Amino acid sequence: MLAAVALRAKRVPTARRCATSQCMETSPTHTQSDKQMTDAKNVCGAQKVVLVVEDNETARWILAEILTVEGYAVCEACNADEAMQWLTGQAGIHAVISDIEMPGSMNGLELAARIHTELPQIAVLLTSGRHHPPVATLPPATKFVPKPWVPGEIIRELEALLSC
């Protein structure tokens, strides 16, 4: 937790993350003006935007901070339903990092399957402390990292998914 606080202290004041009004307020939808992003990491010549899907606010914040410090643009969603709103309403999301177990109409595995079917160009990295799905059951372009993870592991797996 202290590392995450240190990461926030190093954050560039002009950098901004995407934020959905559902996470930040009580409104169930978000608008284009809510979708302000940080400078993104340059991988293979293109800026990369990552959507973090996590119902635990602290875990979502820590992961978003790690990604922001690494130079990725970060959008955040509280559940799979909100993630699908982002994915259908925001062009340019390259990867999704999602918890498996969360509230809503689908879990992270179902979200990954839906992304593979509807948006196969988007890479998915799943994470969980309770569920450890066999690799053979994951959709293509999907990897799994068990919790607790370390920042370097998440970044390495994400970069492997995004590699050209």
Protein backbone atom coordinates (compact mmCIF):
# COMPACT_ATOMS: atom_id res chain seq x y z
CA MET A 1 0.00 0.00 0.00
CA LEU A 2 2.86 2.38 0.76
CA ALA A 3 4.27 1.75 -2.70
CA ALA A 4 0.96 2.85 -4.22
CA VAL A 5 1.01 6.05 -2.17
CA ALA A 6 4.57 6.69 -3.36
CA LEU A 7 3.44 6.11 -6.94
CA ARG A 8 0.70 8.72 -6.56
CA ALA A 9 3.21 11.22 -5.19
CA LYS A 10 5.37 10.77 -8.33
CA ARG A 11 2.45 11.24 -10.70
CA VAL A 12 2.73 14.11 -13.14
CA PRO A 13 0.21 16.80 -12.10
CA THR A 14 -1.09 17.26 -15.65
CA ALA A 15 -1.74 13.54 -16.18
CA ARG A 16 -5.37 12.51 -16.03
CA ARG A 17 -7.03 9.11 -15.99
CA CYS A 18 -10.30 8.11 -17.53
CA ALA A 19 -13.03 7.95 -14.93
CA THR A 20 -16.54 6.72 -15.25
CA SER A 21 -19.28 8.52 -13.41
CA GLN A 22 -20.63 5.22 -12.06
CA CYS A 23 -17.46 4.70 -10.02
CA MET A 24 -17.14 8.34 -9.06
CA GLU A 25 -20.79 9.31 -8.56
CA THR A 26 -24.19 7.67 -8.42
CA SER A 27 -25.02 8.10 -12.10
CA PRO A 28 -25.11 4.75 -13.99
CA THR A 29 -23.75 6.15 -17.27
CA HIS A 30 -20.84 8.22 -18.46
CA THR A 31 -20.29 10.75 -21.22
CA GLN A 32 -17.46 11.44 -23.63
CA SER A 33 -16.31 14.34 -21.43
CA ASP A 34 -15.68 11.86 -18.59
CA LYS A 35 -13.18 9.98 -20.74
CA GLN A 36 -10.04 12.04 -20.27
CA MET A 37 -6.85 10.00 -20.45
CA THR A 38 -3.19 10.11 -19.49
CA ASP A 39 -0.39 9.96 -22.00
CA ALA A 40 -0.23 6.35 -23.13
CA LYS A 41 2.69 3.95 -23.33
CA ASN A 42 4.15 3.61 -26.78
CA VAL A 43 4.30 -0.08 -27.75
CA CYS A 44 5.01 -0.99 -31.37
CA GLY A 45 4.54 2.64 -32.41
CA ALA A 46 0.99 3.03 -31.09
CA GLN A 47 -0.39 4.53 -27.89
CA LYS A 48 -1.93 1.91 -25.59
CA VAL A 49 -5.04 2.35 -23.49
CA VAL A 50 -5.87 -0.16 -20.76
CA LEU A 51 -9.29 -0.63 -19.14
CA VAL A 52 -9.03 -1.82 -15.51
CA VAL A 53 -12.13 -3.73 -14.36
CA GLU A 54 -12.16 -4.32 -10.61
CA ASP A 55 -14.95 -4.01 -8.04
CA ASN A 56 -12.52 -3.42 -5.16
CA GLU A 57 -11.82 0.30 -5.27
CA THR A 58 -8.42 0.05 -3.58
CA ALA A 59 -7.20 -2.74 -5.89
CA ARG A 60 -8.49 -0.79 -8.91
CA TRP A 61 -6.72 2.37 -7.76
CA ILE A 62 -3.41 0.58 -7.13
CA LEU A 63 -3.47 -1.14 -10.52
CA ALA A 64 -4.42 2.10 -12.27
CA GLU A 65 -1.54 3.89 -10.53
CA ILE A 66 0.95 1.18 -11.55
CA LEU A 67 -0.18 1.39 -15.17
CA THR A 68 -0.16 5.20 -15.17
CA VAL A 69 3.39 5.31 -13.81
CA GLU A 70 4.39 2.88 -16.59
CA GLY A 71 2.98 5.33 -19.15
CA TYR A 72 -0.30 3.65 -20.11
CA ALA A 73 -3.57 5.54 -20.48
CA VAL A 74 -5.99 4.02 -17.97
CA CYS A 75 -9.77 3.81 -17.91
CA GLU A 76 -11.58 2.28 -14.94
CA ALA A 77 -14.75 0.25 -14.55
CA CYS A 78 -16.37 -1.20 -11.43
CA ASN A 79 -17.82 -4.30 -13.11
CA ALA A 80 -18.16 -6.10 -16.44
CA ASP A 81 -21.34 -4.26 -17.41
CA GLU A 82 -19.60 -0.91 -17.05
CA ALA A 83 -16.58 -2.31 -18.90
CA MET A 84 -18.79 -3.18 -21.87
CA GLN A 85 -20.08 0.41 -21.88
CA TRP A 86 -16.48 1.59 -22.15
CA LEU A 87 -15.60 -0.94 -24.83
CA THR A 88 -18.60 -0.16 -27.02
CA GLY A 89 -18.42 3.61 -26.50
CA GLN A 90 -14.67 4.32 -26.51
CA ALA A 91 -12.54 3.50 -29.52
CA GLY A 92 -8.88 2.85 -28.90
CA ILE A 93 -8.88 0.57 -25.87
CA HIS A 94 -6.15 -2.00 -26.50
CA ALA A 95 -6.33 -4.19 -23.41
CA VAL A 96 -8.51 -5.06 -20.44
CA ILE A 97 -7.22 -6.15 -17.04
CA SER A 98 -10.12 -7.66 -15.12
CA ASP A 99 -10.80 -9.40 -11.86
CA ILE A 100 -12.74 -12.62 -12.33
CA GLU A 101 -15.09 -12.42 -9.37
CA MET A 102 -17.24 -9.26 -9.31
CA PRO A 103 -20.89 -8.21 -9.14
CA GLY A 104 -23.05 -7.61 -12.17
CA SER A 105 -24.53 -9.63 -14.99
CA MET A 106 -21.23 -11.37 -15.84
CA ASN A 107 -17.92 -12.25 -14.23
CA GLY A 108 -14.46 -11.64 -15.63
CA LEU A 109 -14.33 -14.96 -17.52
CA GLU A 110 -17.63 -14.17 -19.21
CA LEU A 111 -16.37 -10.66 -19.97
CA ALA A 112 -13.22 -12.10 -21.56
CA ALA A 113 -15.29 -14.47 -23.72
CA ARG A 114 -17.57 -11.62 -24.81
CA ILE A 115 -14.59 -9.40 -25.64
CA HIS A 116 -13.06 -12.21 -27.70
CA THR A 117 -16.32 -12.67 -29.62
CA GLU A 118 -17.23 -9.01 -30.14
CA LEU A 119 -13.85 -7.22 -30.00
CA PRO A 120 -11.16 -9.81 -30.75
CA GLN A 121 -8.47 -7.15 -31.26
CA ILE A 122 -8.55 -6.35 -27.52
CA ALA A 123 -6.20 -8.33 -25.29
CA VAL A 124 -7.45 -9.50 -21.88
CA LEU A 125 -5.49 -10.15 -18.70
CA LEU A 126 -7.55 -11.81 -15.95
CA THR A 127 -6.65 -11.86 -12.28
CA SER A 128 -8.11 -13.47 -9.17
CA GLY A 129 -7.16 -14.62 -5.71
CA ARG A 130 -9.79 -17.38 -5.63
CA HIS A 131 -10.32 -18.66 -9.15
CA HIS A 132 -7.43 -20.14 -11.12
CA PRO A 133 -8.84 -21.11 -14.53
CA PRO A 134 -6.90 -23.67 -16.57
CA VAL A 135 -5.05 -22.00 -19.45
CA ALA A 136 -6.92 -24.21 -21.93
CA THR A 137 -10.24 -22.66 -20.84
CA LEU A 138 -9.17 -19.05 -21.49
CA PRO A 139 -10.24 -17.35 -24.72
CA PRO A 140 -7.48 -16.55 -27.24
CA ALA A 141 -5.46 -13.39 -26.47
CA THR A 142 -6.25 -13.89 -22.77
CA LYS A 143 -3.79 -14.54 -19.96
CA PHE A 144 -4.23 -15.11 -16.24
CA VAL A 145 -2.16 -13.78 -13.32
CA PRO A 146 -3.11 -14.95 -9.81
CA LYS A 147 -3.48 -12.49 -6.93
CA PRO A 148 -1.54 -11.31 -5.13
CA TRP A 149 0.51 -10.16 -8.08
CA VAL A 150 3.51 -7.89 -8.17
CA PRO A 151 3.62 -4.82 -10.43
CA GLY A 152 6.43 -6.14 -12.62
CA GLU A 153 4.50 -9.35 -13.31
CA ILE A 154 1.38 -7.48 -14.41
CA ILE A 155 3.41 -5.17 -16.66
CA ARG A 156 5.35 -8.10 -18.22
CA GLU A 157 2.16 -10.05 -18.96
CA LEU A 158 0.42 -6.96 -20.34
CA GLU A 159 3.35 -6.13 -22.59
CA ALA A 160 3.46 -9.74 -23.83
CA LEU A 161 -0.23 -9.52 -24.75
CA LEU A 162 0.31 -6.19 -26.52
CA SER A 163 3.47 -7.19 -28.36
CA CYS A 164 3.44 -6.93 -32.14
